[in-house]
PDB file of N, CA and C in Angstrom:
ATOM      1  N   MET A   1       0.744  -1.062  -0.184  1.00  0.00           N
ATOM      2  CA  MET A   1      -0.170   0.000  -0.040  1.00  0.00           C
ATOM      3  C   MET A   1       0.972   1.311   0.203  1.00  0.00           C
ATOM      4  N   PRO A   2       0.541   1.902  -0.869  1.00  0.00           N
ATOM      5  CA  PRO A   2       1.754   3.442  -0.871  1.00  0.00           C
ATOM      6  C   PRO A   2       1.213   4.187  -0.039  1.00  0.00           C
ATOM      7  N   SER A   3       2.168   5.031   0.608  1.00  0.00           N
ATOM      8  CA  SER A   3       2.292   6.034   1.273  1.00  0.00           C
ATOM      9  C   SER A   3       2.037   7.353   0.897  1.00  0.00           C
ATOM     10  N   GLU A   4       1.799   8.595   1.118  1.00  0.00           N
ATOM     11  CA  GLU A   4       1.653   9.852   0.390  1.00  0.00           C
ATOM     12  C   GLU A   4       2.782  10.050  -0.308  1.00  0.00           C
ATOM     13  N   LEU A   5       3.813   9.816   0.441  1.00  0.00           N
ATOM     14  CA  LEU A   5       5.432   9.852  -0.168  1.00  0.00           C
ATOM     15  C   LEU A   5       5.439   8.859  -1.189  1.00  0.00           C
ATOM     16  N   GLY A   6       5.203   7.434  -1.152  1.00  0.00           N
ATOM     17  CA  GLY A   6       5.395   6.545  -2.258  1.00  0.00           C
ATOM     18  C   GLY A   6       6.492   6.320  -2.489  1.00  0.00           C
ATOM     19  N   GLY A   7       7.737   6.382  -1.644  1.00  0.00           N
ATOM     20  CA  GLY A   7       8.706   6.222  -1.928  1.00  0.00           C
ATOM     21  C   GLY A   7       9.769   6.902  -2.976  1.00  0.00           C
ATOM     22  N   SER A   8       8.994   7.968  -3.139  1.00  0.00           N
ATOM     23  CA  SER A   8       9.768   8.261  -4.650  1.00  0.00           C
ATOM     24  C   SER A   8      10.697   9.945  -4.488  1.00  0.00           C
ATOM     25  N   GLY A   9      11.136  10.146  -3.125  1.00  0.00           N
ATOM     26  CA  GLY A   9      12.135  11.052  -2.487  1.00  0.00           C
ATOM     27  C   GLY A   9      11.580  12.349  -2.483  1.00  0.00           C
ATOM     28  N   ALA A  10      12.309  13.428  -2.186  1.00  0.00           N
ATOM     29  CA  ALA A  10      12.257  14.647  -2.046  1.00  0.00           C
ATOM     30  C   ALA A  10      11.550  15.302  -3.093  1.00  0.00           C
ATOM     31  N   VAL A  11      11.762  15.462  -4.300  1.00  0.00           N
ATOM     32  CA  VAL A  11      11.290  15.853  -5.854  1.00  0.00           C
ATOM     33  C   VAL A  11       9.568  15.866  -5.463  1.00  0.00           C
ATOM     34  N   ASN A  12       9.380  14.560  -5.189  1.00  0.00           N
ATOM     35  CA  ASN A  12       8.198  14.143  -5.264  1.00  0.00           C
ATOM     36  C   ASN A  12       7.263  14.624  -4.145  1.00  0.00           C
ATOM     37  N   ALA A  13       7.889  14.230  -2.996  1.00  0.00           N
ATOM     38  CA  ALA A  13       7.604  14.888  -1.669  1.00  0.00           C
ATOM     39  C   ALA A  13       6.770  16.494  -1.712  1.00  0.00           C
ATOM     40  N   GLU A  14       7.703  17.193  -2.416  1.00  0.00           N
ATOM     41  CA  GLU A  14       7.629  18.792  -2.759  1.00  0.00           C
ATOM     42  C   GLU A  14       6.383  18.871  -3.759  1.00  0.00           C
ATOM     43  N   ARG A  15       6.288  17.920  -4.676  1.00  0.00           N
ATOM     44  CA  ARG A  15       4.812  17.743  -5.726  1.00  0.00           C
ATOM     45  C   ARG A  15       3.750  17.693  -4.783  1.00  0.00           C
ATOM     46  N   LEU A  16       3.862  16.453  -3.746  1.00  0.00           N
ATOM     47  CA  LEU A  16       2.749  16.161  -3.174  1.00  0.00           C
ATOM     48  C   LEU A  16       2.085  17.547  -2.328  1.00  0.00           C
ATOM     49  N   ALA A  17       2.899  18.285  -1.612  1.00  0.00           N
ATOM     50  CA  ALA A  17       2.707  19.452  -0.971  1.00  0.00           C
ATOM     51  C   ALA A  17       1.822  20.424  -1.839  1.00  0.00           C
ATOM     52  N   ARG A  18       2.498  20.799  -3.006  1.00  0.00           N
ATOM     53  CA  ARG A  18       2.256  21.705  -3.701  1.00  0.00           C
ATOM     54  C   ARG A  18       0.810  21.008  -4.468  1.00  0.00           C
ATOM     55  N   ILE A  19       0.677  19.568  -4.582  1.00  0.00           N
ATOM     56  CA  ILE A  19      -0.551  19.242  -4.997  1.00  0.00           C
ATOM     57  C   ILE A  19      -1.702  19.499  -3.987  1.00  0.00           C
ATOM     58  N   ARG A  20      -1.520  19.054  -2.815  1.00  0.00           N
ATOM     59  CA  ARG A  20      -2.271  19.188  -1.992  1.00  0.00           C
ATOM     60  C   ARG A  20      -2.928  20.701  -1.489  1.00  0.00           C
ATOM     61  N   ALA A  21      -1.970  21.512  -1.384  1.00  0.00           N
ATOM     62  CA  ALA A  21      -2.039  23.006  -1.031  1.00  0.00           C
ATOM     63  C   ALA A  21      -2.750  23.539  -2.140  1.00  0.00           C
ATOM     64  N   ARG A  22      -2.917  23.319  -3.507  1.00  0.00           N
ATOM     65  CA  ARG A  22      -3.652  23.844  -4.485  1.00  0.00           C
ATOM     66  C   ARG A  22      -5.215  23.281  -4.301  1.00  0.00           C
ATOM     67  N   LEU A  23      -5.286  22.211  -4.099  1.00  0.00           N
ATOM     68  CA  LEU A  23      -6.701  21.340  -3.798  1.00  0.00           C
ATOM     69  C   LEU A  23      -7.296  21.813  -2.656  1.00  0.00           C
ATOM     70  N   GLU A  24      -6.873  21.912  -1.683  1.00  0.00           N
ATOM     71  CA  GLU A  24      -7.158  22.388  -0.552  1.00  0.00           C
ATOM     72  C   GLU A  24      -7.614  24.002  -0.545  1.00  0.00           C
ATOM     73  N   GLU A  25      -6.798  24.645  -0.921  1.00  0.00           N
ATOM     74  CA  GLU A  25      -7.193  26.045  -1.191  1.00  0.00           C
ATOM     75  C   GLU A  25      -8.512  26.344  -2.213  1.00  0.00           C
ATOM     76  N   ALA A  26      -8.351  25.460  -3.400  1.00  0.00           N
ATOM     77  CA  ALA A  26      -9.069  25.921  -4.267  1.00  0.00           C
ATOM     78  C   ALA A  26     -10.509  25.060  -3.935  1.00  0.00           C
ATOM     79  N   LEU A  27     -10.873  24.276  -3.396  1.00  0.00           N
ATOM     80  CA  LEU A  27     -11.956  23.302  -3.183  1.00  0.00           C
ATOM     81  C   LEU A  27     -12.478  23.120  -1.274  1.00  0.00           C
ATOM     82  N   HIS A  28     -11.746  23.724  -0.786  1.00  0.00           N
ATOM     83  CA  HIS A  28     -11.770  23.827   0.583  1.00  0.00           C
ATOM     84  C   HIS A  28     -12.343  22.556   0.864  1.00  0.00           C
ATOM     85  N   THR A  29     -11.267  21.464   0.845  1.00  0.00           N
ATOM     86  CA  THR A  29     -11.474  20.174   0.974  1.00  0.00           C
ATOM     87  C   THR A  29     -11.916  19.922   2.590  1.00  0.00           C
ATOM     88  N   MET A  30     -12.661  18.954   2.896  1.00  0.00           N
ATOM     89  CA  MET A  30     -13.034  18.307   3.837  1.00  0.00           C
ATOM     90  C   MET A  30     -12.006  16.953   4.189  1.00  0.00           C
ATOM     91  N   GLN A  31     -11.956  16.286   3.325  1.00  0.00           N
ATOM     92  CA  GLN A  31     -10.717  15.277   3.315  1.00  0.00           C
ATOM     93  C   GLN A  31     -10.217  15.132   1.999  1.00  0.00           C
ATOM     94  N   ILE A  32      -8.667  14.935   2.183  1.00  0.00           N
ATOM     95  CA  ILE A  32      -7.705  14.908   0.861  1.00  0.00           C
ATOM     96  C   ILE A  32      -6.662  13.863   1.217  1.00  0.00           C
ATOM     97  N   GLU A  33      -6.676  13.048   0.199  1.00  0.00           N
ATOM     98  CA  GLU A  33      -5.259  12.226   0.071  1.00  0.00           C
ATOM     99  C   GLU A  33      -4.750  12.152  -1.295  1.00  0.00           C
ATOM    100  N   VAL A  34      -3.690  12.378  -1.162  1.00  0.00           N
ATOM    101  CA  VAL A  34      -2.608  12.663  -2.523  1.00  0.00           C
ATOM    102  C   VAL A  34      -1.785  11.417  -2.483  1.00  0.00           C
ATOM    103  N   ILE A  35      -1.515  10.472  -3.535  1.00  0.00           N
ATOM    104  CA  ILE A  35      -0.762   9.121  -3.396  1.00  0.00           C
ATOM    105  C   ILE A  35       0.015   9.225  -4.561  1.00  0.00           C
ATOM    106  N   ASP A  36       1.319   9.222  -4.307  1.00  0.00           N
ATOM    107  CA  ASP A  36       2.191   9.111  -5.542  1.00  0.00           C
ATOM    108  C   ASP A  36       2.451   7.747  -5.897  1.00  0.00           C
ATOM    109  N   ASP A  37       2.072   7.233  -7.330  1.00  0.00           N
ATOM    110  CA  ASP A  37       2.221   6.128  -7.805  1.00  0.00           C
ATOM    111  C   ASP A  37       3.260   6.071  -8.954  1.00  0.00           C
ATOM    112  N   SER A  38       4.038   7.304  -8.903  1.00  0.00           N
ATOM    113  CA  SER A  38       5.059   7.426  -9.733  1.00  0.00           C
ATOM    114  C   SER A  38       6.209   6.060  -9.947  1.00  0.00           C
ATOM    115  N   HIS A  39       6.430   6.043  -8.470  1.00  0.00           N
ATOM    116  CA  HIS A  39       7.183   4.353  -8.573  1.00  0.00           C
ATOM    117  C   HIS A  39       6.694   3.354  -9.337  1.00  0.00           C
ATOM    118  N   LEU A  40       5.796   3.310  -9.527  1.00  0.00           N
ATOM    119  CA  LEU A  40       4.891   2.040 -10.374  1.00  0.00           C
ATOM    120  C   LEU A  40       5.257   2.080 -11.901  1.00  0.00           C
ATOM    121  N   HIS A  41       5.844   3.294 -12.238  1.00  0.00           N
ATOM    122  CA  HIS A  41       5.634   3.634 -13.802  1.00  0.00           C
ATOM    123  C   HIS A  41       7.174   4.038 -13.834  1.00  0.00           C
ATOM    124  N   VAL A  42       8.291   3.523 -13.480  1.00  0.00           N
ATOM    125  CA  VAL A  42       9.567   3.538 -13.714  1.00  0.00           C
ATOM    126  C   VAL A  42       9.676   3.165 -15.332  1.00  0.00           C
ATOM    127  N   GLY A  43      10.429   3.785 -15.989  1.00  0.00           N
ATOM    128  CA  GLY A  43      10.554   3.459 -17.455  1.00  0.00           C
ATOM    129  C   GLY A  43       9.581   3.493 -18.436  1.00  0.00           C
ATOM    130  N   HIS A  44       8.484   3.777 -18.143  1.00  0.00           N
ATOM    131  CA  HIS A  44       7.085   4.384 -18.692  1.00  0.00           C
ATOM    132  C   HIS A  44       7.251   5.714 -19.610  1.00  0.00           C
ATOM    133  N   ALA A  45       7.204   5.626 -20.849  1.00  0.00           N
ATOM    134  CA  ALA A  45       7.355   6.752 -21.513  1.00  0.00           C
ATOM    135  C   ALA A  45       7.018   7.964 -20.879  1.00  0.00           C
ATOM    136  N   GLY A  46       6.090   8.310 -20.252  1.00  0.00           N
ATOM    137  CA  GLY A  46       5.568   9.818 -19.816  1.00  0.00           C
ATOM    138  C   GLY A  46       6.331   9.985 -18.182  1.00  0.00           C
ATOM    139  N   ALA A  47       6.966   8.789 -17.758  1.00  0.00           N
ATOM    140  CA  ALA A  47       7.695   9.238 -16.416  1.00  0.00           C
ATOM    141  C   ALA A  47       9.223   9.581 -17.029  1.00  0.00           C
ATOM    142  N   ARG A  48       9.490   9.519 -17.930  1.00  0.00           N
ATOM    143  CA  ARG A  48      10.999   9.898 -18.330  1.00  0.00           C
ATOM    144  C   ARG A  48      11.142  11.320 -18.468  1.00  0.00           C
ATOM    145  N   ASP A  49      10.014  12.463 -18.661  1.00  0.00           N
ATOM    146  CA  ASP A  49      10.350  13.547 -18.637  1.00  0.00           C
ATOM    147  C   ASP A  49      10.244  14.116 -16.896  1.00  0.00           C
ATOM    148  N   GLY A  50      10.356  13.522 -16.285  1.00  0.00           N
ATOM    149  CA  GLY A  50      10.305  13.614 -14.546  1.00  0.00           C
ATOM    150  C   GLY A  50       8.978  13.819 -14.049  1.00  0.00           C
ATOM    151  N   ARG A  51       7.954  14.145 -14.710  1.00  0.00           N
ATOM    152  CA  ARG A  51       6.638  14.396 -14.417  1.00  0.00           C
ATOM    153  C   ARG A  51       6.325  12.849 -13.527  1.00  0.00           C
ATOM    154  N   GLY A  52       5.347  12.860 -12.387  1.00  0.00           N
ATOM    155  CA  GLY A  52       4.725  12.211 -11.982  1.00  0.00           C
ATOM    156  C   GLY A  52       3.282  11.515 -11.884  1.00  0.00           C
ATOM    157  N   HIS A  53       3.236  10.277 -11.296  1.00  0.00           N
ATOM    158  CA  HIS A  53       1.915   9.815 -11.527  1.00  0.00           C
ATOM    159  C   HIS A  53       1.221   9.647 -10.173  1.00  0.00           C
ATOM    160  N   PHE A  54       0.255  10.185 -10.081  1.00  0.00           N
ATOM    161  CA  PHE A  54      -0.545  10.593  -8.770  1.00  0.00           C
ATOM    162  C   PHE A  54      -2.164  10.120  -8.750  1.00  0.00           C
ATOM    163  N   ARG A  55      -2.609   9.948  -7.523  1.00  0.00           N
ATOM    164  CA  ARG A  55      -3.949   9.636  -7.500  1.00  0.00           C
ATOM    165  C   ARG A  55      -4.503  10.516  -6.222  1.00  0.00           C
ATOM    166  N   VAL A  56      -5.534  10.922  -6.417  1.00  0.00           N
ATOM    167  CA  VAL A  56      -6.070  12.034  -5.208  1.00  0.00           C
ATOM    168  C   VAL A  56      -7.611  11.198  -4.926  1.00  0.00           C
ATOM    169  N   ARG A  57      -7.795  11.553  -3.689  1.00  0.00           N
ATOM    170  CA  ARG A  57      -9.303  11.174  -3.168  1.00  0.00           C
ATOM    171  C   ARG A  57      -9.726  12.341  -2.536  1.00  0.00           C
ATOM    172  N   ILE A  58     -10.727  13.088  -2.768  1.00  0.00           N
ATOM    173  CA  ILE A  58     -11.075  14.326  -2.186  1.00  0.00           C
ATOM    174  C   ILE A  58     -12.547  14.365  -1.580  1.00  0.00           C
ATOM    175  N   VAL A  59     -12.943  14.727  -0.906  1.00  0.00           N
ATOM    176  CA  VAL A  59     -14.115  15.067  -0.227  1.00  0.00           C
ATOM    177  C   VAL A  59     -14.295  16.634  -0.157  1.00  0.00           C
ATOM    178  N   ALA A  60     -15.487  17.393  -0.599  1.00  0.00           N
ATOM    179  CA  ALA A  60     -15.636  18.975  -0.677  1.00  0.00           C
ATOM    180  C   ALA A  60     -17.089  18.766  -1.085  1.00  0.00           C
ATOM    181  N   ALA A  61     -17.484  20.071  -0.499  1.00  0.00           N
ATOM    182  CA  ALA A  61     -18.942  20.278  -0.738  1.00  0.00           C
ATOM    183  C   ALA A  61     -18.526  21.016  -1.989  1.00  0.00           C
ATOM    184  N   ALA A  62     -17.803  21.543  -2.660  1.00  0.00           N
ATOM    185  CA  ALA A  62     -17.527  22.001  -3.710  1.00  0.00           C
ATOM    186  C   ALA A  62     -18.227  21.296  -5.326  1.00  0.00           C
ATOM    187  N   PHE A  63     -18.136  19.778  -4.877  1.00  0.00           N
ATOM    188  CA  PHE A  63     -18.307  18.900  -5.965  1.00  0.00           C
ATOM    189  C   PHE A  63     -20.091  18.698  -5.989  1.00  0.00           C
ATOM    190  N   ASP A  64     -20.616  19.340  -4.884  1.00  0.00           N
ATOM    191  CA  ASP A  64     -22.386  19.001  -4.776  1.00  0.00           C
ATOM    192  C   ASP A  64     -22.784  19.382  -6.203  1.00  0.00           C
ATOM    193  N   GLY A  65     -23.599  18.960  -6.639  1.00  0.00           N
ATOM    194  CA  GLY A  65     -24.657  18.776  -7.701  1.00  0.00           C
ATOM    195  C   GLY A  65     -24.013  18.892  -9.194  1.00  0.00           C
ATOM    196  N   LEU A  66     -22.497  18.489  -8.845  1.00  0.00           N
ATOM    197  CA  LEU A  66     -21.834  18.409 -10.393  1.00  0.00           C
ATOM    198  C   LEU A  66     -21.479  16.949 -10.522  1.00  0.00           C
ATOM    199  N   ASN A  67     -21.470  16.909 -12.055  1.00  0.00           N
ATOM    200  CA  ASN A  67     -21.089  15.186 -12.458  1.00  0.00           C
ATOM    201  C   ASN A  67     -19.867  14.943 -12.465  1.00  0.00           C
ATOM    202  N   VAL A  68     -19.349  13.521 -12.893  1.00  0.00           N
ATOM    203  CA  VAL A  68     -17.950  13.147 -12.576  1.00  0.00           C
ATOM    204  C   VAL A  68     -17.211  14.214 -13.695  1.00  0.00           C
ATOM    205  N   VAL A  69     -17.430  14.490 -14.765  1.00  0.00           N
ATOM    206  CA  VAL A  69     -16.583  15.236 -15.591  1.00  0.00           C
ATOM    207  C   VAL A  69     -16.366  16.616 -14.782  1.00  0.00           C
ATOM    208  N   ARG A  70     -17.447  17.132 -14.570  1.00  0.00           N
ATOM    209  CA  ARG A  70     -17.231  18.512 -13.931  1.00  0.00           C
ATOM    210  C   ARG A  70     -16.312  18.579 -12.784  1.00  0.00           C
ATOM    211  N   ARG A  71     -16.540  17.801 -12.072  1.00  0.00           N
ATOM    212  CA  ARG A  71     -15.907  17.311 -10.658  1.00  0.00           C
ATOM    213  C   ARG A  71     -14.243  17.418 -11.244  1.00  0.00           C
ATOM    214  N   HIS A  72     -13.943  16.539 -12.301  1.00  0.00           N
ATOM    215  CA  HIS A  72     -12.596  16.273 -12.656  1.00  0.00           C
ATOM    216  C   HIS A  72     -12.043  17.843 -13.330  1.00  0.00           C
ATOM    217  N   GLN A  73     -12.814  18.342 -14.026  1.00  0.00           N
ATOM    218  CA  GLN A  73     -12.817  19.649 -14.406  1.00  0.00           C
ATOM    219  C   GLN A  73     -11.786  20.933 -13.178  1.00  0.00           C
ATOM    220  N   LEU A  74     -12.763  20.612 -12.160  1.00  0.00           N
ATOM    221  CA  LEU A  74     -12.744  21.557 -11.011  1.00  0.00           C
ATOM    222  C   LEU A  74     -11.214  20.917 -10.661  1.00  0.00           C
ATOM    223  N   VAL A  75     -11.086  19.810 -10.253  1.00  0.00           N
ATOM    224  CA  VAL A  75      -9.537  19.385  -9.775  1.00  0.00           C
ATOM    225  C   VAL A  75      -8.447  19.870 -10.737  1.00  0.00           C
ATOM    226  N   TYR A  76      -8.502  19.563 -12.031  1.00  0.00           N
ATOM    227  CA  TYR A  76      -7.717  19.947 -13.080  1.00  0.00           C
ATOM    228  C   TYR A  76      -7.238  21.885 -12.796  1.00  0.00           C
ATOM    229  N   ARG A  77      -8.549  22.476 -13.177  1.00  0.00           N
ATOM    230  CA  ARG A  77      -8.240  24.047 -12.931  1.00  0.00           C
ATOM    231  C   ARG A  77      -7.473  24.420 -11.458  1.00  0.00           C
ATOM    232  N   ALA A  78      -8.155  23.423 -10.610  1.00  0.00           N
ATOM    233  CA  ALA A  78      -7.144  23.775  -9.184  1.00  0.00           C
ATOM    234  C   ALA A  78      -5.904  23.922  -9.311  1.00  0.00           C
ATOM    235  N   LEU A  79      -5.038  22.557 -10.163  1.00  0.00           N
ATOM    236  CA  LEU A  79      -3.955  21.961 -10.441  1.00  0.00           C
ATOM    237  C   LEU A  79      -3.257  23.209 -11.317  1.00  0.00           C
ATOM    238  N   GLY A  80      -4.110  23.675 -12.033  1.00  0.00           N
ATOM    239  CA  GLY A  80      -3.537  24.560 -13.072  1.00  0.00           C
ATOM    240  C   GLY A  80      -2.121  24.054 -14.049  1.00  0.00           C
ATOM    241  N   GLU A  81      -0.892  25.075 -13.841  1.00  0.00           N
ATOM    242  CA  GLU A  81       0.116  24.651 -14.676  1.00  0.00           C
ATOM    243  C   GLU A  81       0.475  23.337 -13.964  1.00  0.00           C
ATOM    244  N   LEU A  82       0.700  23.166 -12.902  1.00  0.00           N
ATOM    245  CA  LEU A  82       1.120  21.583 -12.440  1.00  0.00           C
ATOM    246  C   LEU A  82       0.911  20.461 -13.266  1.00  0.00           C
ATOM    247  N   MET A  83      -0.411  20.472 -14.168  1.00  0.00           N
ATOM    248  CA  MET A  83      -0.877  19.398 -14.610  1.00  0.00           C
ATOM    249  C   MET A  83      -0.039  19.252 -15.984  1.00  0.00           C
ATOM    250  N   GLN A  84       0.805  20.493 -16.081  1.00  0.00           N
ATOM    251  CA  GLN A  84       1.913  20.390 -17.489  1.00  0.00           C
ATOM    252  C   GLN A  84       3.255  20.479 -16.807  1.00  0.00           C
ATOM    253  N   THR A  85       3.562  20.523 -15.764  1.00  0.00           N
ATOM    254  CA  THR A  85       4.858  20.807 -15.199  1.00  0.00           C
ATOM    255  C   THR A  85       5.232  19.657 -14.202  1.00  0.00           C
ATOM    256  N   ASP A  86       4.532  19.431 -13.780  1.00  0.00           N
ATOM    257  CA  ASP A  86       4.676  18.085 -12.454  1.00  0.00           C
ATOM    258  C   ASP A  86       3.633  16.861 -12.667  1.00  0.00           C
ATOM    259  N   ILE A  87       2.889  17.017 -13.229  1.00  0.00           N
ATOM    260  CA  ILE A  87       2.123  15.937 -13.185  1.00  0.00           C
ATOM    261  C   ILE A  87       1.647  15.037 -14.710  1.00  0.00           C
ATOM    262  N   HIS A  88       2.232  14.089 -14.820  1.00  0.00           N
ATOM    263  CA  HIS A  88       1.857  13.183 -16.212  1.00  0.00           C
ATOM    264  C   HIS A  88       0.650  12.858 -16.148  1.00  0.00           C
ATOM    265  N   ALA A  89       0.314  11.939 -14.997  1.00  0.00           N
ATOM    266  CA  ALA A  89      -0.923  11.233 -15.005  1.00  0.00           C
ATOM    267  C   ALA A  89      -1.501  11.482 -13.594  1.00  0.00           C
ATOM    268  N   LEU A  90      -3.202  11.695 -13.564  1.00  0.00           N
ATOM    269  CA  LEU A  90      -3.794  11.857 -12.183  1.00  0.00           C
ATOM    270  C   LEU A  90      -5.085  11.247 -11.969  1.00  0.00           C
ATOM    271  N   GLY A  91      -5.036  10.366 -11.135  1.00  0.00           N
ATOM    272  CA  GLY A  91      -6.266   9.247 -11.066  1.00  0.00           C
ATOM    273  C   GLY A  91      -7.131  10.316 -10.111  1.00  0.00           C
ATOM    274  N   VAL A  92      -8.554  10.662 -10.307  1.00  0.00           N
ATOM    275  CA  VAL A  92      -9.342  11.455  -9.375  1.00  0.00           C
ATOM    276  C   VAL A  92     -10.492  10.513  -8.921  1.00  0.00           C
ATOM    277  N   SER A  93     -10.595  10.644  -7.440  1.00  0.00           N
ATOM    278  CA  SER A  93     -11.844  10.039  -6.818  1.00  0.00           C
ATOM    279  C   SER A  93     -12.425  11.093  -6.367  1.00  0.00           C
ATOM    280  N   ALA A  94     -13.731  11.729  -6.604  1.00  0.00           N
ATOM    281  CA  ALA A  94     -14.185  13.167  -5.878  1.00  0.00           C
ATOM    282  C   ALA A  94     -15.461  13.034  -5.490  1.00  0.00           C
ATOM    283  N   PHE A  95     -15.966  13.027  -3.976  1.00  0.00           N
ATOM    284  CA  PHE A  95     -16.810  12.982  -3.577  1.00  0.00           C
ATOM    285  C   PHE A  95     -17.631  14.065  -2.645  1.00  0.00           C
ATOM    286  N   THR A  96     -18.793  14.285  -2.771  1.00  0.00           N
ATOM    287  CA  THR A  96     -19.312  15.392  -1.625  1.00  0.00           C
ATOM    288  C   THR A  96     -19.606  14.440  -0.373  1.00  0.00           C
ATOM    289  N   PRO A  97     -19.657  15.488   0.283  1.00  0.00           N
ATOM    290  CA  PRO A  97     -19.598  14.774   1.759  1.00  0.00           C
ATOM    291  C   PRO A  97     -20.560  13.947   2.236  1.00  0.00           C
ATOM    292  N   GLU A  98     -21.759  14.372   1.554  1.00  0.00           N
ATOM    293  CA  GLU A  98     -23.051  12.980   1.899  1.00  0.00           C
ATOM    294  C   GLU A  98     -22.780  11.931   1.031  1.00  0.00           C
ATOM    295  N   GLU A  99     -21.824  11.901  -0.067  1.00  0.00           N
ATOM    296  CA  GLU A  99     -21.381  10.973  -0.879  1.00  0.00           C
ATOM    297  C   GLU A  99     -20.629  10.010   0.238  1.00  0.00           C
ATOM    298  N   ALA A 100     -19.895  10.652   0.521  1.00  0.00           N
ATOM    299  CA  ALA A 100     -18.765  10.094   1.681  1.00  0.00           C
ATOM    300  C   ALA A 100     -19.118   8.978   2.691  1.00  0.00           C
ATOM    301  N   ALA A 101     -20.129  10.200   3.427  1.00  0.00           N
ATOM    302  CA  ALA A 101     -20.849   9.280   4.529  1.00  0.00           C
ATOM    303  C   ALA A 101     -21.585   8.474   3.999  1.00  0.00           C
ATOM    304  N   GLN A 102     -22.177   7.865   2.954  1.00  0.00           N
ATOM    305  CA  GLN A 102     -23.294   7.103   2.279  1.00  0.00           C
ATOM    306  C   GLN A 102     -22.440   6.154   2.341  1.00  0.00           C
ATOM    307  N   LYS A 103     -21.166   6.087   1.805  1.00  0.00           N
ATOM    308  CA  LYS A 103     -20.035   5.236   1.512  1.00  0.00           C
ATOM    309  C   LYS A 103     -19.397   4.439   2.415  1.00  0.00           C
ATOM    310  N   ARG A 104     -19.015   5.037   3.543  1.00  0.00           N
ATOM    311  CA  ARG A 104     -18.599   4.700   4.601  1.00  0.00           C
ATOM    312  C   ARG A 104     -19.992   3.865   5.566  1.00  0.00           C
ATOM    313  N   GLY A 105     -21.245   4.137   5.452  1.00  0.00           N
ATOM    314  CA  GLY A 105     -22.203   3.792   6.086  1.00  0.00           C
ATOM    315  C   GLY A 105     -22.572   2.357   5.454  1.00  0.00           C
ATOM    316  N   VAL A 106     -22.006   2.005   4.355  1.00  0.00           N
ATOM    317  CA  VAL A 106     -22.160   0.962   3.270  1.00  0.00           C
ATOM    318  C   VAL A 106     -21.408  -0.388   3.934  1.00  0.00           C
ATOM    319  N   GLY A 107     -20.503   0.192   4.439  1.00  0.00           N
ATOM    320  CA  GLY A 107     -19.421  -0.775   5.005  1.00  0.00           C
ATOM    321  C   GLY A 107     -18.300  -1.409   4.063  1.00  0.00           C
ATOM    322  N   ARG A 108     -18.327  -0.521   2.984  1.00  0.00           N
ATOM    323  CA  ARG A 108     -16.965  -0.819   1.755  1.00  0.00           C
ATOM    324  C   ARG A 108     -15.751  -0.947   2.262  1.00  0.00           C
ATOM    325  N   SER A 109     -15.153  -1.723   1.681  1.00  0.00           N
ATOM    326  CA  SER A 109     -13.731  -1.664   2.177  1.00  0.00           C
ATOM    327  C   SER A 109     -12.931  -0.407   1.836  1.00  0.00           C
ATOM    328  N   SER A 110     -12.145  -0.162   2.767  1.00  0.00           N
ATOM    329  CA  SER A 110     -11.034   0.999   2.888  1.00  0.00           C
ATOM    330  C   SER A 110     -10.487   1.066   1.773  1.00  0.00           C
ATOM    331  N   ASN A 111      -9.928  -0.136   1.186  1.00  0.00           N
ATOM    332  CA  ASN A 111      -8.982  -0.043   0.174  1.00  0.00           C
ATOM    333  C   ASN A 111      -9.353  -0.179  -1.190  1.00  0.00           C
ATOM    334  N   GLU A 112     -10.622   0.058  -1.492  1.00  0.00           N
ATOM    335  CA  GLU A 112     -11.456  -0.059  -2.960  1.00  0.00           C
ATOM    336  C   GLU A 112     -10.796   1.255  -3.390  1.00  0.00           C
ATOM    337  N   GLU A 113     -10.780   1.124  -4.733  1.00  0.00           N
ATOM    338  CA  GLU A 113     -10.417   2.360  -5.615  1.00  0.00           C
ATOM    339  C   GLU A 113     -11.083   3.622  -5.468  1.00  0.00           C
ATOM    340  N   ASP A 114     -12.745   3.309  -5.352  1.00  0.00           N
ATOM    341  CA  ASP A 114     -13.319   4.530  -5.209  1.00  0.00           C
ATOM    342  C   ASP A 114     -13.823   4.912  -4.036  1.00  0.00           C
ATOM    343  N   SER A 115     -13.191   4.488  -2.967  1.00  0.00           N
ATOM    344  CA  SER A 115     -13.625   4.580  -1.323  1.00  0.00           C
ATOM    345  C   SER A 115     -13.370   5.895  -1.306  1.00  0.00           C
ATOM    346  N   PRO A 116     -13.889   6.777  -0.445  1.00  0.00           N
ATOM    347  CA  PRO A 116     -13.651   8.230   0.031  1.00  0.00           C
ATOM    348  C   PRO A 116     -12.412   8.230   1.065  1.00  0.00           C
TER     349      PRO A 116
END
């Protein structure tokens, strides 16, 4: 199970901090997890330029009333130029507080890909 640092060193630790800060500031997140999966893509064509592979799980009221595409657009907009300079690939799981509470109440495993 990858940690937030994902074992990829200081460069990606700085990226994780920037990603987290941008998302927290723009979306006023209630919960956020930023996972560095870059170590899983060593040698991948997209990893050669030094940008990273990340996953984010976000709970924010800002997603209320928005479909999945609009939620992802909010995330990409919040990250701005980091999508070109620091991030090669980004997996997004975006939930409203109500959705997150419902998912927790169903008894889903916390390691499922779409769990909040």
